[in-house]
Amino acid sequence: MLKSLLVVLLVAFSPIPNASAAWAIALGDDRPVVAVDYPDWTAMEMALSGCKKISNGCRIVAKSGSGCFALATTGTRWGVGKAGSRARAKERALEACTALGAGDCEVVHTKCIS
């Protein structure tokens, strides 16, 4: 297992009552930042803000108001998958990571929200 990897995960309760929860993943040069349980626009802002604190070239690579996501990595490269189920999100993350051709990939994080 790749224990030395760090995925920054921002989790908080939605600041707007009854707002639907969402997640967003920002990826820069180093590692991804995941923002979970925020309204859609806030999840994207939080992920980008967190990413810019630790990396350069940050951009949103995946977002959704529901469903599952997974992150797979070689240790230096990252693949992101999203789907309606945890299993399919893992498969997609591994496919995306493997397509980078940077070595063996391992799923290191998954999360589902409804």
N, C-alpha and C. Protein backbone atom coordinates (compact mmCIF):
# COMPACT_ATOMS: atom_id res chain seq x y z
N MET A 1 0.84 -1.18 0.00
CA MET A 1 0.00 0.00 0.00
C MET A 1 0.88 1.24 0.00
N LEU A 2 0.42 2.27 -0.62
CA LEU A 2 1.18 3.50 -0.72
C LEU A 2 0.87 4.40 0.47
N LYS A 3 1.51 4.12 1.59
CA LYS A 3 1.20 4.84 2.82
C LYS A 3 1.74 6.26 2.83
N SER A 4 2.72 6.54 2.01
CA SER A 4 3.32 7.86 2.03
C SER A 4 2.52 8.90 1.25
N LEU A 5 1.46 8.48 0.58
CA LEU A 5 0.66 9.40 -0.22
C LEU A 5 -0.26 10.21 0.66
N LEU A 6 -0.47 11.43 0.27
CA LEU A 6 -1.36 12.30 1.01
C LEU A 6 -2.43 12.83 0.07
N VAL A 7 -3.65 12.56 0.39
CA VAL A 7 -4.78 13.12 -0.32
C VAL A 7 -5.43 14.09 0.66
N VAL A 8 -5.48 15.34 0.30
CA VAL A 8 -6.08 16.33 1.17
C VAL A 8 -7.58 16.23 1.00
N LEU A 9 -8.28 16.00 2.10
CA LEU A 9 -9.73 15.82 2.06
C LEU A 9 -10.38 16.89 2.93
N LEU A 10 -11.20 17.72 2.32
CA LEU A 10 -11.91 18.77 3.03
C LEU A 10 -13.34 18.31 3.22
N VAL A 11 -13.77 18.15 4.47
CA VAL A 11 -15.11 17.71 4.76
C VAL A 11 -15.74 18.68 5.74
N ALA A 12 -16.93 19.12 5.42
CA ALA A 12 -17.64 20.03 6.32
C ALA A 12 -19.12 19.92 6.04
N PHE A 13 -19.90 20.39 6.97
CA PHE A 13 -21.33 20.44 6.75
C PHE A 13 -21.64 21.64 5.86
N SER A 14 -22.65 21.50 5.06
CA SER A 14 -23.03 22.56 4.15
C SER A 14 -23.37 23.82 4.93
N PRO A 15 -22.81 24.97 4.53
CA PRO A 15 -23.12 26.21 5.23
C PRO A 15 -24.51 26.75 4.92
N ILE A 16 -25.18 26.18 3.94
CA ILE A 16 -26.51 26.63 3.57
C ILE A 16 -27.51 25.56 3.96
N PRO A 17 -28.46 25.85 4.84
CA PRO A 17 -29.42 24.83 5.25
C PRO A 17 -30.14 24.22 4.06
N ASN A 18 -30.31 22.91 4.08
CA ASN A 18 -31.02 22.15 3.05
C ASN A 18 -30.38 22.22 1.67
N ALA A 19 -29.16 22.71 1.59
CA ALA A 19 -28.47 22.72 0.30
C ALA A 19 -28.04 21.30 -0.02
N SER A 20 -28.10 20.95 -1.28
CA SER A 20 -27.70 19.60 -1.65
C SER A 20 -26.19 19.48 -1.57
N ALA A 21 -25.73 18.35 -1.07
CA ALA A 21 -24.30 18.11 -0.94
C ALA A 21 -23.70 17.76 -2.29
N ALA A 22 -22.45 18.11 -2.45
CA ALA A 22 -21.74 17.81 -3.68
C ALA A 22 -20.28 17.54 -3.33
N TRP A 23 -19.53 17.06 -4.32
CA TRP A 23 -18.10 16.86 -4.15
C TRP A 23 -17.39 17.38 -5.39
N ALA A 24 -16.12 17.75 -5.21
CA ALA A 24 -15.30 18.20 -6.32
C ALA A 24 -13.86 17.78 -6.05
N ILE A 25 -13.13 17.49 -7.11
CA ILE A 25 -11.73 17.11 -7.00
C ILE A 25 -10.91 18.06 -7.86
N ALA A 26 -9.92 18.70 -7.22
CA ALA A 26 -8.97 19.55 -7.95
C ALA A 26 -7.64 18.83 -7.97
N LEU A 27 -6.96 18.91 -9.10
CA LEU A 27 -5.66 18.25 -9.24
C LEU A 27 -4.66 19.26 -9.77
N GLY A 28 -3.50 19.28 -9.13
CA GLY A 28 -2.40 20.13 -9.57
C GLY A 28 -1.22 19.28 -9.92
N ASP A 29 -0.02 19.82 -9.73
CA ASP A 29 1.20 19.10 -10.06
C ASP A 29 1.52 17.98 -9.07
N ASP A 30 1.05 18.11 -7.83
CA ASP A 30 1.46 17.18 -6.79
C ASP A 30 0.44 16.11 -6.47
N ARG A 31 -0.71 16.50 -5.95
CA ARG A 31 -1.71 15.53 -5.49
C ARG A 31 -3.08 16.18 -5.53
N PRO A 32 -4.13 15.36 -5.50
CA PRO A 32 -5.49 15.90 -5.57
C PRO A 32 -5.96 16.44 -4.23
N VAL A 33 -6.91 17.34 -4.32
CA VAL A 33 -7.63 17.85 -3.15
C VAL A 33 -9.10 17.59 -3.39
N VAL A 34 -9.76 16.98 -2.41
CA VAL A 34 -11.16 16.60 -2.52
C VAL A 34 -11.97 17.42 -1.53
N ALA A 35 -13.03 18.04 -2.00
CA ALA A 35 -13.97 18.75 -1.13
C ALA A 35 -15.30 18.01 -1.19
N VAL A 36 -15.82 17.63 -0.02
CA VAL A 36 -17.02 16.80 0.06
C VAL A 36 -18.03 17.47 1.00
N ASP A 37 -19.32 17.29 0.70
CA ASP A 37 -20.43 17.78 1.53
C ASP A 37 -20.54 19.29 1.55
N TYR A 38 -20.33 19.91 0.43
CA TYR A 38 -20.56 21.34 0.23
C TYR A 38 -21.59 21.48 -0.89
N PRO A 39 -22.24 22.65 -0.98
CA PRO A 39 -23.04 22.90 -2.20
C PRO A 39 -22.09 22.88 -3.40
N ASP A 40 -22.60 22.62 -4.57
CA ASP A 40 -21.80 22.42 -5.77
C ASP A 40 -20.75 23.50 -5.98
N TRP A 41 -21.14 24.75 -6.01
CA TRP A 41 -20.18 25.84 -6.27
C TRP A 41 -19.15 25.94 -5.17
N THR A 42 -19.53 25.70 -3.92
CA THR A 42 -18.59 25.78 -2.80
C THR A 42 -17.61 24.62 -2.85
N ALA A 43 -18.05 23.44 -3.23
CA ALA A 43 -17.15 22.28 -3.34
C ALA A 43 -16.03 22.59 -4.33
N MET A 44 -16.38 23.17 -5.46
CA MET A 44 -15.36 23.50 -6.46
C MET A 44 -14.40 24.56 -5.93
N GLU A 45 -14.94 25.60 -5.28
CA GLU A 45 -14.08 26.65 -4.72
C GLU A 45 -13.15 26.10 -3.64
N MET A 46 -13.68 25.25 -2.76
CA MET A 46 -12.87 24.69 -1.68
C MET A 46 -11.78 23.77 -2.23
N ALA A 47 -12.11 22.95 -3.21
CA ALA A 47 -11.11 22.06 -3.80
C ALA A 47 -9.99 22.87 -4.47
N LEU A 48 -10.36 23.88 -5.25
CA LEU A 48 -9.35 24.71 -5.92
C LEU A 48 -8.50 25.48 -4.92
N SER A 49 -9.15 26.05 -3.91
CA SER A 49 -8.43 26.81 -2.90
C SER A 49 -7.42 25.93 -2.16
N GLY A 50 -7.87 24.75 -1.75
CA GLY A 50 -6.97 23.82 -1.06
C GLY A 50 -5.82 23.37 -1.93
N CYS A 51 -6.11 23.12 -3.19
CA CYS A 51 -5.09 22.68 -4.14
C CYS A 51 -4.03 23.76 -4.33
N LYS A 52 -4.45 25.00 -4.47
CA LYS A 52 -3.51 26.10 -4.71
C LYS A 52 -2.58 26.32 -3.53
N LYS A 53 -2.95 25.86 -2.35
CA LYS A 53 -2.09 25.99 -1.17
C LYS A 53 -0.93 24.99 -1.19
N ILE A 54 -1.08 23.90 -1.95
CA ILE A 54 -0.06 22.84 -1.93
C ILE A 54 0.53 22.53 -3.30
N SER A 55 -0.01 23.14 -4.37
CA SER A 55 0.41 22.74 -5.70
C SER A 55 0.25 23.87 -6.70
N ASN A 56 0.76 23.65 -7.89
CA ASN A 56 0.60 24.59 -9.01
C ASN A 56 -0.24 23.94 -10.09
N GLY A 57 -0.80 24.75 -10.98
CA GLY A 57 -1.54 24.23 -12.12
C GLY A 57 -2.85 23.55 -11.74
N CYS A 58 -3.49 24.00 -10.68
CA CYS A 58 -4.71 23.35 -10.18
C CYS A 58 -5.89 23.56 -11.10
N ARG A 59 -6.70 22.50 -11.24
CA ARG A 59 -7.92 22.56 -12.04
C ARG A 59 -8.90 21.53 -11.49
N ILE A 60 -10.19 21.76 -11.71
CA ILE A 60 -11.21 20.79 -11.31
C ILE A 60 -11.18 19.65 -12.33
N VAL A 61 -11.02 18.42 -11.85
CA VAL A 61 -10.97 17.28 -12.77
C VAL A 61 -12.22 16.42 -12.69
N ALA A 62 -13.00 16.58 -11.62
CA ALA A 62 -14.27 15.84 -11.50
C ALA A 62 -15.13 16.53 -10.46
N LYS A 63 -16.45 16.46 -10.67
CA LYS A 63 -17.39 17.01 -9.70
C LYS A 63 -18.74 16.37 -9.91
N SER A 64 -19.54 16.36 -8.86
CA SER A 64 -20.89 15.82 -8.99
C SER A 64 -21.70 16.19 -7.76
N GLY A 65 -23.00 16.18 -7.93
CA GLY A 65 -23.91 16.42 -6.82
C GLY A 65 -24.36 15.13 -6.16
N SER A 66 -23.96 14.00 -6.73
CA SER A 66 -24.30 12.71 -6.15
C SER A 66 -23.39 11.66 -6.76
N GLY A 67 -23.54 10.44 -6.28
CA GLY A 67 -22.75 9.35 -6.83
C GLY A 67 -21.45 9.13 -6.08
N CYS A 68 -20.55 8.42 -6.72
CA CYS A 68 -19.30 8.01 -6.09
C CYS A 68 -18.11 8.49 -6.89
N PHE A 69 -16.99 8.66 -6.19
CA PHE A 69 -15.74 8.93 -6.87
C PHE A 69 -14.66 8.05 -6.25
N ALA A 70 -13.59 7.87 -7.00
CA ALA A 70 -12.44 7.11 -6.53
C ALA A 70 -11.17 7.75 -7.07
N LEU A 71 -10.10 7.63 -6.30
CA LEU A 71 -8.79 8.10 -6.71
C LEU A 71 -7.84 6.92 -6.74
N ALA A 72 -7.12 6.78 -7.84
CA ALA A 72 -6.10 5.74 -7.96
C ALA A 72 -4.79 6.42 -8.30
N THR A 73 -3.69 5.85 -7.83
CA THR A 73 -2.40 6.48 -8.06
C THR A 73 -1.28 5.47 -8.24
N THR A 74 -0.23 5.93 -8.90
CA THR A 74 1.01 5.16 -9.03
C THR A 74 1.98 5.60 -7.94
N GLY A 75 1.66 6.66 -7.26
CA GLY A 75 2.57 7.29 -6.31
C GLY A 75 2.97 8.67 -6.78
N THR A 76 2.92 8.85 -8.10
CA THR A 76 3.26 10.16 -8.67
C THR A 76 2.20 10.67 -9.65
N ARG A 77 1.40 9.80 -10.18
CA ARG A 77 0.35 10.16 -11.14
C ARG A 77 -0.98 9.72 -10.58
N TRP A 78 -2.06 10.43 -10.94
CA TRP A 78 -3.39 10.17 -10.37
C TRP A 78 -4.43 9.95 -11.43
N GLY A 79 -5.34 9.01 -11.17
CA GLY A 79 -6.51 8.77 -12.01
C GLY A 79 -7.75 8.97 -11.17
N VAL A 80 -8.76 9.59 -11.75
CA VAL A 80 -10.02 9.87 -11.06
C VAL A 80 -11.14 9.15 -11.79
N GLY A 81 -12.02 8.53 -11.03
CA GLY A 81 -13.19 7.89 -11.62
C GLY A 81 -14.44 8.31 -10.89
N LYS A 82 -15.52 8.51 -11.62
CA LYS A 82 -16.81 8.79 -10.99
C LYS A 82 -17.86 7.93 -11.64
N ALA A 83 -18.83 7.52 -10.81
CA ALA A 83 -19.89 6.62 -11.30
C ALA A 83 -21.01 6.57 -10.27
N GLY A 84 -22.03 5.82 -10.59
CA GLY A 84 -23.16 5.66 -9.69
C GLY A 84 -22.91 4.67 -8.57
N SER A 85 -21.84 3.87 -8.68
CA SER A 85 -21.52 2.90 -7.63
C SER A 85 -20.04 3.00 -7.28
N ARG A 86 -19.71 2.61 -6.06
CA ARG A 86 -18.32 2.62 -5.60
C ARG A 86 -17.45 1.70 -6.47
N ALA A 87 -17.96 0.51 -6.78
CA ALA A 87 -17.19 -0.45 -7.58
C ALA A 87 -16.85 0.11 -8.95
N ARG A 88 -17.83 0.72 -9.60
CA ARG A 88 -17.59 1.26 -10.95
C ARG A 88 -16.67 2.48 -10.89
N ALA A 89 -16.79 3.32 -9.85
CA ALA A 89 -15.89 4.46 -9.70
C ALA A 89 -14.45 3.98 -9.53
N LYS A 90 -14.25 2.91 -8.76
CA LYS A 90 -12.91 2.33 -8.60
C LYS A 90 -12.37 1.84 -9.94
N GLU A 91 -13.21 1.12 -10.70
CA GLU A 91 -12.79 0.63 -12.01
C GLU A 91 -12.35 1.78 -12.91
N ARG A 92 -13.15 2.83 -12.94
CA ARG A 92 -12.83 3.98 -13.81
C ARG A 92 -11.55 4.69 -13.36
N ALA A 93 -11.35 4.81 -12.04
CA ALA A 93 -10.12 5.43 -11.54
C ALA A 93 -8.91 4.61 -11.93
N LEU A 94 -9.00 3.29 -11.81
CA LEU A 94 -7.89 2.42 -12.20
C LEU A 94 -7.63 2.50 -13.70
N GLU A 95 -8.70 2.56 -14.50
CA GLU A 95 -8.54 2.69 -15.95
C GLU A 95 -7.84 4.00 -16.30
N ALA A 96 -8.27 5.10 -15.66
CA ALA A 96 -7.67 6.41 -15.93
C ALA A 96 -6.20 6.44 -15.50
N CYS A 97 -5.90 5.87 -14.37
CA CYS A 97 -4.53 5.83 -13.86
C CYS A 97 -3.65 4.96 -14.76
N THR A 98 -4.13 3.79 -15.12
CA THR A 98 -3.37 2.86 -15.97
C THR A 98 -3.08 3.49 -17.33
N ALA A 99 -4.02 4.26 -17.85
CA ALA A 99 -3.84 4.91 -19.15
C ALA A 99 -2.68 5.91 -19.15
N LEU A 100 -2.25 6.35 -17.98
CA LEU A 100 -1.13 7.29 -17.90
C LEU A 100 0.20 6.60 -18.16
N GLY A 101 0.22 5.27 -18.07
CA GLY A 101 1.42 4.51 -18.36
C GLY A 101 2.58 4.79 -17.42
N ALA A 102 2.27 5.09 -16.17
CA ALA A 102 3.32 5.47 -15.21
C ALA A 102 3.60 4.39 -14.18
N GLY A 103 3.10 3.18 -14.38
CA GLY A 103 3.37 2.10 -13.43
C GLY A 103 2.09 1.51 -12.86
N ASP A 104 2.26 0.68 -11.83
CA ASP A 104 1.12 0.03 -11.19
C ASP A 104 0.27 1.04 -10.43
N CYS A 105 -1.04 0.89 -10.54
CA CYS A 105 -1.98 1.80 -9.90
C CYS A 105 -2.69 1.11 -8.75
N GLU A 106 -3.03 1.90 -7.75
CA GLU A 106 -3.75 1.41 -6.58
C GLU A 106 -4.82 2.44 -6.21
N VAL A 107 -6.04 1.96 -5.92
CA VAL A 107 -7.10 2.85 -5.45
C VAL A 107 -6.78 3.22 -4.00
N VAL A 108 -6.74 4.52 -3.73
CA VAL A 108 -6.38 4.98 -2.38
C VAL A 108 -7.50 5.71 -1.67
N HIS A 109 -8.57 6.05 -2.39
CA HIS A 109 -9.68 6.74 -1.73
C HIS A 109 -10.96 6.57 -2.54
N THR A 110 -12.07 6.34 -1.86
CA THR A 110 -13.39 6.33 -2.49
C THR A 110 -14.37 7.02 -1.56
N LYS A 111 -15.43 7.55 -2.14
CA LYS A 111 -16.47 8.21 -1.35
C LYS A 111 -17.74 8.23 -2.19
N CYS A 112 -18.88 8.01 -1.56
CA CYS A 112 -20.18 8.11 -2.22
C CYS A 112 -21.08 9.04 -1.42
N ILE A 113 -21.84 9.86 -2.12
CA ILE A 113 -22.88 10.67 -1.48
C ILE A 113 -24.14 10.56 -2.32
N SER A 114 -25.27 10.78 -1.66
CA SER A 114 -26.53 10.69 -2.41
C SER A 114 -27.28 12.00 -2.33
